[in-house]
Amino acid sequence: SGGGFEIDLSYFRHHTEGVSMTWDGGEPTM
């Protein structure tokens, strides 16, 4: 409602397990 959206979180891991990322000193990885 109100024009928003939600995603089905069961298909994604970023909110519970986290995702390995590097954001410093070179090519970013994820």
PDB file of all heavy atoms in Angstrom:
ATOM      1  N   SER A   1       0.832  -1.199   0.000  1.00  0.00           N
ATOM      2  CA  SER A   1       0.000   0.000   0.000  1.00  0.00           C
ATOM      3  C   SER A   1       0.869   1.252   0.000  1.00  0.00           C
ATOM      4  O   SER A   1       1.976   1.263   0.543  1.00  0.00           O
ATOM      5  CB  SER A   1      -0.916   0.006   1.224  1.00  0.00           C
ATOM      6  OG  SER A   1      -0.143  -0.005   2.415  1.00  0.00           O
ATOM      7  N   GLY A   2       0.342   2.295  -0.614  1.00  0.00           N
ATOM      8  CA  GLY A   2       1.085   3.546  -0.665  1.00  0.00           C
ATOM      9  C   GLY A   2       2.127   3.611  -1.747  1.00  0.00           C
ATOM     10  O   GLY A   2       2.945   4.543  -1.774  1.00  0.00           O
ATOM     11  N   GLY A   3       2.120   2.628  -2.642  1.00  0.00           N
ATOM     12  CA  GLY A   3       3.063   2.661  -3.762  1.00  0.00           C
ATOM     13  C   GLY A   3       4.407   2.043  -3.484  1.00  0.00           C
ATOM     14  O   GLY A   3       5.321   2.150  -4.305  1.00  0.00           O
ATOM     15  N   GLY A   4       4.571   1.385  -2.343  1.00  0.00           N
ATOM     16  CA  GLY A   4       5.851   0.754  -2.029  1.00  0.00           C
ATOM     17  C   GLY A   4       5.932  -0.675  -2.539  1.00  0.00           C
ATOM     18  O   GLY A   4       5.101  -1.136  -3.322  1.00  0.00           O
ATOM     19  N   PHE A   5       6.926  -1.396  -2.074  1.00  0.00           N
ATOM     20  CA  PHE A   5       7.100  -2.790  -2.476  1.00  0.00           C
ATOM     21  C   PHE A   5       7.887  -3.523  -1.398  1.00  0.00           C
ATOM     22  O   PHE A   5       8.548  -2.911  -0.552  1.00  0.00           O
ATOM     23  CB  PHE A   5       7.834  -2.898  -3.818  1.00  0.00           C
ATOM     24  CG  PHE A   5       9.252  -2.391  -3.776  1.00  0.00           C
ATOM     25  CD1 PHE A   5      10.302  -3.224  -3.392  1.00  0.00           C
ATOM     26  CD2 PHE A   5       9.546  -1.074  -4.110  1.00  0.00           C
ATOM     27  CE1 PHE A   5      11.603  -2.755  -3.322  1.00  0.00           C
ATOM     28  CE2 PHE A   5      10.858  -0.598  -4.042  1.00  0.00           C
ATOM     29  CZ  PHE A   5      11.878  -1.438  -3.651  1.00  0.00           C
ATOM     30  N   GLU A   6       7.811  -4.841  -1.449  1.00  0.00           N
ATOM     31  CA  GLU A   6       8.640  -5.718  -0.626  1.00  0.00           C
ATOM     32  C   GLU A   6       9.163  -6.837  -1.503  1.00  0.00           C
ATOM     33  O   GLU A   6       8.534  -7.208  -2.492  1.00  0.00           O
ATOM     34  CB  GLU A   6       7.819  -6.315   0.529  1.00  0.00           C
ATOM     35  CG  GLU A   6       7.378  -5.308   1.565  1.00  0.00           C
ATOM     36  CD  GLU A   6       6.574  -5.966   2.681  1.00  0.00           C
ATOM     37  OE1 GLU A   6       6.176  -7.143   2.511  1.00  0.00           O
ATOM     38  OE2 GLU A   6       6.360  -5.303   3.710  1.00  0.00           O
ATOM     39  N   ILE A   7      10.325  -7.362  -1.159  1.00  0.00           N
ATOM     40  CA  ILE A   7      10.844  -8.519  -1.869  1.00  0.00           C
ATOM     41  C   ILE A   7      10.673  -9.754  -0.987  1.00  0.00           C
ATOM     42  O   ILE A   7      10.600  -9.647   0.244  1.00  0.00           O
ATOM     43  CB  ILE A   7      12.322  -8.335  -2.283  1.00  0.00           C
ATOM     44  CG1 ILE A   7      13.236  -8.249  -1.057  1.00  0.00           C
ATOM     45  CG2 ILE A   7      12.481  -7.106  -3.161  1.00  0.00           C
ATOM     46  CD1 ILE A   7      14.720  -8.213  -1.414  1.00  0.00           C
ATOM     47  N   ASP A   8      10.584 -10.911  -1.627  1.00  0.00           N
ATOM     48  CA  ASP A   8      10.508 -12.164  -0.871  1.00  0.00           C
ATOM     49  C   ASP A   8      11.905 -12.483  -0.355  1.00  0.00           C
ATOM     50  O   ASP A   8      12.780 -12.930  -1.109  1.00  0.00           O
ATOM     51  CB  ASP A   8       9.985 -13.291  -1.771  1.00  0.00           C
ATOM     52  CG  ASP A   8       9.703 -14.562  -0.985  1.00  0.00           C
ATOM     53  OD1 ASP A   8      10.349 -14.787   0.055  1.00  0.00           O
ATOM     54  OD2 ASP A   8       8.849 -15.353  -1.433  1.00  0.00           O
ATOM     55  N   LEU A   9      12.122 -12.254   0.918  1.00  0.00           N
ATOM     56  CA  LEU A   9      13.456 -12.355   1.498  1.00  0.00           C
ATOM     57  C   LEU A   9      13.984 -13.778   1.565  1.00  0.00           C
ATOM     58  O   LEU A   9      15.177 -13.987   1.773  1.00  0.00           O
ATOM     59  CB  LEU A   9      13.460 -11.736   2.894  1.00  0.00           C
ATOM     60  CG  LEU A   9      13.184 -10.225   2.939  1.00  0.00           C
ATOM     61  CD1 LEU A   9      12.995  -9.764   4.367  1.00  0.00           C
ATOM     62  CD2 LEU A   9      14.320  -9.454   2.270  1.00  0.00           C
ATOM     63  N   SER A  10      13.108 -14.763   1.361  1.00  0.00           N
ATOM     64  CA  SER A  10      13.577 -16.147   1.411  1.00  0.00           C
ATOM     65  C   SER A  10      14.509 -16.472   0.244  1.00  0.00           C
ATOM     66  O   SER A  10      15.243 -17.464   0.289  1.00  0.00           O
ATOM     67  CB  SER A  10      12.394 -17.110   1.409  1.00  0.00           C
ATOM     68  OG  SER A  10      11.651 -17.021   0.202  1.00  0.00           O
ATOM     69  N   TYR A  11      14.514 -15.639  -0.789  1.00  0.00           N
ATOM     70  CA  TYR A  11      15.383 -15.867  -1.942  1.00  0.00           C
ATOM     71  C   TYR A  11      16.737 -15.162  -1.794  1.00  0.00           C
ATOM     72  O   TYR A  11      17.595 -15.303  -2.668  1.00  0.00           O
ATOM     73  CB  TYR A  11      14.708 -15.365  -3.216  1.00  0.00           C
ATOM     74  CG  TYR A  11      13.519 -16.197  -3.645  1.00  0.00           C
ATOM     75  CD1 TYR A  11      12.217 -15.810  -3.324  1.00  0.00           C
ATOM     76  CD2 TYR A  11      13.688 -17.381  -4.360  1.00  0.00           C
ATOM     77  CE1 TYR A  11      11.124 -16.568  -3.700  1.00  0.00           C
ATOM     78  CE2 TYR A  11      12.594 -18.151  -4.748  1.00  0.00           C
ATOM     79  CZ  TYR A  11      11.328 -17.742  -4.415  1.00  0.00           C
ATOM     80  OH  TYR A  11      10.243 -18.501  -4.797  1.00  0.00           O
ATOM     81  N   PHE A  12      16.929 -14.402  -0.702  1.00  0.00           N
ATOM     82  CA  PHE A  12      18.137 -13.587  -0.565  1.00  0.00           C
ATOM     83  C   PHE A  12      18.717 -13.742   0.843  1.00  0.00           C
ATOM     84  O   PHE A  12      18.007 -14.015   1.804  1.00  0.00           O
ATOM     85  CB  PHE A  12      17.817 -12.122  -0.861  1.00  0.00           C
ATOM     86  CG  PHE A  12      17.214 -11.925  -2.231  1.00  0.00           C
ATOM     87  CD1 PHE A  12      15.842 -11.843  -2.390  1.00  0.00           C
ATOM     88  CD2 PHE A  12      18.034 -11.871  -3.343  1.00  0.00           C
ATOM     89  CE1 PHE A  12      15.282 -11.690  -3.652  1.00  0.00           C
ATOM     90  CE2 PHE A  12      17.485 -11.722  -4.604  1.00  0.00           C
ATOM     91  CZ  PHE A  12      16.095 -11.634  -4.760  1.00  0.00           C
ATOM     92  N   ARG A  13      20.039 -13.527   0.964  1.00  0.00           N
ATOM     93  CA  ARG A  13      20.745 -13.793   2.212  1.00  0.00           C
ATOM     94  C   ARG A  13      21.305 -12.530   2.876  1.00  0.00           C
ATOM     95  O   ARG A  13      21.872 -12.611   3.965  1.00  0.00           O
ATOM     96  CB  ARG A  13      21.885 -14.778   1.944  1.00  0.00           C
ATOM     97  CG  ARG A  13      22.977 -14.238   1.039  1.00  0.00           C
ATOM     98  CD  ARG A  13      24.154 -15.216   0.897  1.00  0.00           C
ATOM     99  NE  ARG A  13      23.876 -16.296  -0.026  1.00  0.00           N
ATOM    100  CZ  ARG A  13      23.841 -17.589   0.325  1.00  0.00           C
ATOM    101  NH1 ARG A  13      24.049 -17.934   1.570  1.00  0.00           N
ATOM    102  NH2 ARG A  13      23.587 -18.513  -0.571  1.00  0.00           N
ATOM    103  N   HIS A  14      21.185 -11.373   2.263  1.00  0.00           N
ATOM    104  CA  HIS A  14      21.871 -10.180   2.737  1.00  0.00           C
ATOM    105  C   HIS A  14      21.401  -9.705   4.112  1.00  0.00           C
ATOM    106  O   HIS A  14      22.159  -9.088   4.849  1.00  0.00           O
ATOM    107  CB  HIS A  14      21.666  -9.038   1.730  1.00  0.00           C
ATOM    108  CG  HIS A  14      20.237  -8.610   1.587  1.00  0.00           C
ATOM    109  ND1 HIS A  14      19.295  -9.403   0.971  1.00  0.00           N
ATOM    110  CD2 HIS A  14      19.572  -7.486   1.998  1.00  0.00           C
ATOM    111  CE1 HIS A  14      18.116  -8.778   0.989  1.00  0.00           C
ATOM    112  NE2 HIS A  14      18.263  -7.632   1.605  1.00  0.00           N
ATOM    113  N   HIS A  15      20.159  -9.992   4.468  1.00  0.00           N
ATOM    114  CA  HIS A  15      19.567  -9.449   5.686  1.00  0.00           C
ATOM    115  C   HIS A  15      19.831 -10.297   6.926  1.00  0.00           C
ATOM    116  O   HIS A  15      19.631  -9.831   8.056  1.00  0.00           O
ATOM    117  CB  HIS A  15      18.061  -9.285   5.503  1.00  0.00           C
ATOM    118  CG  HIS A  15      17.380 -10.580   5.158  1.00  0.00           C
ATOM    119  ND1 HIS A  15      17.631 -11.254   3.986  1.00  0.00           N
ATOM    120  CD2 HIS A  15      16.467 -11.323   5.836  1.00  0.00           C
ATOM    121  CE1 HIS A  15      16.895 -12.353   3.952  1.00  0.00           C
ATOM    122  NE2 HIS A  15      16.187 -12.421   5.064  1.00  0.00           N
ATOM    123  N   THR A  16      20.249 -11.540   6.750  1.00  0.00           N
ATOM    124  CA  THR A  16      20.503 -12.420   7.897  1.00  0.00           C
ATOM    125  C   THR A  16      21.948 -12.897   7.940  1.00  0.00           C
ATOM    126  O   THR A  16      22.645 -12.733   8.949  1.00  0.00           O
ATOM    127  CB  THR A  16      19.571 -13.637   7.852  1.00  0.00           C
ATOM    128  OG1 THR A  16      19.693 -14.284   6.574  1.00  0.00           O
ATOM    129  CG2 THR A  16      18.125 -13.215   8.075  1.00  0.00           C
ATOM    130  N   GLU A  17      22.402 -13.486   6.846  1.00  0.00           N
ATOM    131  CA  GLU A  17      23.765 -14.026   6.808  1.00  0.00           C
ATOM    132  C   GLU A  17      24.800 -12.950   6.509  1.00  0.00           C
ATOM    133  O   GLU A  17      25.958 -13.054   6.894  1.00  0.00           O
ATOM    134  CB  GLU A  17      23.859 -15.122   5.741  1.00  0.00           C
ATOM    135  CG  GLU A  17      22.921 -16.296   5.962  1.00  0.00           C
ATOM    136  CD  GLU A  17      23.018 -17.288   4.828  1.00  0.00           C
ATOM    137  OE1 GLU A  17      24.129 -17.484   4.292  1.00  0.00           O
ATOM    138  OE2 GLU A  17      21.985 -17.867   4.457  1.00  0.00           O
ATOM    139  N   GLY A  18      24.367 -11.910   5.771  1.00  0.00           N
ATOM    140  CA  GLY A  18      25.315 -10.905   5.321  1.00  0.00           C
ATOM    141  C   GLY A  18      25.995 -11.343   4.044  1.00  0.00           C
ATOM    142  O   GLY A  18      25.882 -12.482   3.599  1.00  0.00           O
ATOM    143  N   VAL A  19      26.714 -10.426   3.413  1.00  0.00           N
ATOM    144  CA  VAL A  19      27.402 -10.683   2.150  1.00  0.00           C
ATOM    145  C   VAL A  19      28.824 -10.164   2.274  1.00  0.00           C
ATOM    146  O   VAL A  19      29.042  -9.028   2.712  1.00  0.00           O
ATOM    147  CB  VAL A  19      26.677  -9.974   0.983  1.00  0.00           C
ATOM    148  CG1 VAL A  19      27.407 -10.228  -0.322  1.00  0.00           C
ATOM    149  CG2 VAL A  19      25.223 -10.445   0.889  1.00  0.00           C
ATOM    150  N   SER A  20      29.806 -10.982   1.911  1.00  0.00           N
ATOM    151  CA  SER A  20      31.198 -10.535   1.974  1.00  0.00           C
ATOM    152  C   SER A  20      31.428  -9.439   0.948  1.00  0.00           C
ATOM    153  O   SER A  20      31.061  -9.562  -0.210  1.00  0.00           O
ATOM    154  CB  SER A  20      32.139 -11.716   1.702  1.00  0.00           C
ATOM    155  OG  SER A  20      31.909 -12.265   0.419  1.00  0.00           O
ATOM    156  N   MET A  21      32.024  -8.325   1.404  1.00  0.00           N
ATOM    157  CA  MET A  21      32.259  -7.180   0.524  1.00  0.00           C
ATOM    158  C   MET A  21      33.609  -6.555   0.822  1.00  0.00           C
ATOM    159  O   MET A  21      34.058  -6.559   1.965  1.00  0.00           O
ATOM    160  CB  MET A  21      31.161  -6.124   0.713  1.00  0.00           C
ATOM    161  CG  MET A  21      29.771  -6.556   0.326  1.00  0.00           C
ATOM    162  SD  MET A  21      28.545  -5.239   0.554  1.00  0.00           S
ATOM    163  CE  MET A  21      28.471  -5.193   2.362  1.00  0.00           C
ATOM    164  N   THR A  22      34.255  -6.014  -0.204  1.00  0.00           N
ATOM    165  CA  THR A  22      35.453  -5.204  -0.010  1.00  0.00           C
ATOM    166  C   THR A  22      35.230  -3.869  -0.709  1.00  0.00           C
ATOM    167  O   THR A  22      34.883  -3.827  -1.889  1.00  0.00           O
ATOM    168  CB  THR A  22      36.708  -5.884  -0.589  1.00  0.00           C
ATOM    169  OG1 THR A  22      36.513  -6.141  -1.999  1.00  0.00           O
ATOM    170  CG2 THR A  22      36.982  -7.196   0.111  1.00  0.00           C
ATOM    171  N   TRP A  23      35.418  -2.791   0.037  1.00  0.00           N
ATOM    172  CA  TRP A  23      35.166  -1.454  -0.498  1.00  0.00           C
ATOM    173  C   TRP A  23      36.367  -0.537  -0.317  1.00  0.00           C
ATOM    174  O   TRP A  23      36.207   0.671  -0.227  1.00  0.00           O
ATOM    175  CB  TRP A  23      33.962  -0.830   0.212  1.00  0.00           C
ATOM    176  CG  TRP A  23      32.670  -1.551   0.038  1.00  0.00           C
ATOM    177  CD1 TRP A  23      31.984  -2.232   0.995  1.00  0.00           C
ATOM    178  CD2 TRP A  23      31.891  -1.675  -1.157  1.00  0.00           C
ATOM    179  NE1 TRP A  23      30.833  -2.766   0.465  1.00  0.00           N
ATOM    180  CE2 TRP A  23      30.739  -2.433  -0.851  1.00  0.00           C
ATOM    181  CE3 TRP A  23      32.055  -1.215  -2.473  1.00  0.00           C
ATOM    182  CZ2 TRP A  23      29.763  -2.739  -1.794  1.00  0.00           C
ATOM    183  CZ3 TRP A  23      31.086  -1.523  -3.420  1.00  0.00           C
ATOM    184  CH2 TRP A  23      29.961  -2.270  -3.077  1.00  0.00           C
ATOM    185  N   ASP A  24      37.551  -1.070  -0.261  1.00  0.00           N
ATOM    186  CA  ASP A  24      38.691  -0.205   0.037  1.00  0.00           C
ATOM    187  C   ASP A  24      39.923  -0.657  -0.731  1.00  0.00           C
ATOM    188  O   ASP A  24      40.336  -1.814  -0.642  1.00  0.00           O
ATOM    189  CB  ASP A  24      38.987  -0.228   1.546  1.00  0.00           C
ATOM    190  CG  ASP A  24      39.957   0.864   1.958  1.00  0.00           C
ATOM    191  OD1 ASP A  24      40.209   1.773   1.132  1.00  0.00           O
ATOM    192  OD2 ASP A  24      40.463   0.821   3.088  1.00  0.00           O
ATOM    193  N   GLY A  25      40.485   0.245  -1.508  1.00  0.00           N
ATOM    194  CA  GLY A  25      41.789   0.028  -2.103  1.00  0.00           C
ATOM    195  C   GLY A  25      41.834  -0.889  -3.303  1.00  0.00           C
ATOM    196  O   GLY A  25      42.758  -1.696  -3.426  1.00  0.00           O
ATOM    197  N   GLY A  26      40.889  -0.802  -4.217  1.00  0.00           N
ATOM    198  CA  GLY A  26      40.959  -1.618  -5.426  1.00  0.00           C
ATOM    199  C   GLY A  26      39.589  -1.928  -5.983  1.00  0.00           C
ATOM    200  O   GLY A  26      38.604  -1.246  -5.703  1.00  0.00           O
ATOM    201  N   GLU A  27      39.531  -2.998  -6.769  1.00  0.00           N
ATOM    202  CA  GLU A  27      38.261  -3.396  -7.367  1.00  0.00           C
ATOM    203  C   GLU A  27      37.307  -3.895  -6.285  1.00  0.00           C
ATOM    204  O   GLU A  27      37.675  -4.742  -5.461  1.00  0.00           O
ATOM    205  CB  GLU A  27      38.488  -4.513  -8.393  1.00  0.00           C
ATOM    206  CG  GLU A  27      37.209  -4.996  -9.064  1.00  0.00           C
ATOM    207  CD  GLU A  27      37.462  -6.144 -10.022  1.00  0.00           C
ATOM    208  OE1 GLU A  27      38.603  -6.653 -10.050  1.00  0.00           O
ATOM    209  OE2 GLU A  27      36.526  -6.535 -10.730  1.00  0.00           O
ATOM    210  N   PRO A  28      36.076  -3.381  -6.245  1.00  0.00           N
ATOM    211  CA  PRO A  28      35.138  -3.870  -5.235  1.00  0.00           C
ATOM    212  C   PRO A  28      34.714  -5.302  -5.524  1.00  0.00           C
ATOM    213  O   PRO A  28      34.595  -5.709  -6.678  1.00  0.00           O
ATOM    214  CB  PRO A  28      33.949  -2.913  -5.365  1.00  0.00           C
ATOM    215  CG  PRO A  28      34.036  -2.377  -6.754  1.00  0.00           C
ATOM    216  CD  PRO A  28      35.488  -2.344  -7.099  1.00  0.00           C
ATOM    217  N   THR A  29      34.527  -6.073  -4.479  1.00  0.00           N
ATOM    218  CA  THR A  29      34.058  -7.450  -4.632  1.00  0.00           C
ATOM    219  C   THR A  29      32.841  -7.661  -3.741  1.00  0.00           C
ATOM    220  O   THR A  29      32.685  -6.999  -2.720  1.00  0.00           O
ATOM    221  CB  THR A  29      35.145  -8.471  -4.262  1.00  0.00           C
ATOM    222  OG1 THR A  29      35.491  -8.311  -2.873  1.00  0.00           O
ATOM    223  CG2 THR A  29      36.384  -8.284  -5.112  1.00  0.00           C
ATOM    224  N   MET A  30      32.009  -8.605  -4.139  1.00  0.00           N
ATOM    225  CA  MET A  30      30.799  -8.880  -3.385  1.00  0.00           C
ATOM    226  C   MET A  30      30.432 -10.342  -3.539  1.00  0.00           C
ATOM    227  O   MET A  30      30.435 -10.875  -4.652  1.00  0.00           O
ATOM    228  CB  MET A  30      29.655  -7.988  -3.882  1.00  0.00           C
ATOM    229  CG  MET A  30      28.363  -8.130  -3.099  1.00  0.00           C
ATOM    230  SD  MET A  30      27.098  -6.958  -3.672  1.00  0.00           S
ATOM    231  CE  MET A  30      27.850  -5.422  -3.179  1.00  0.00           C
TER     232      MET A  30
END
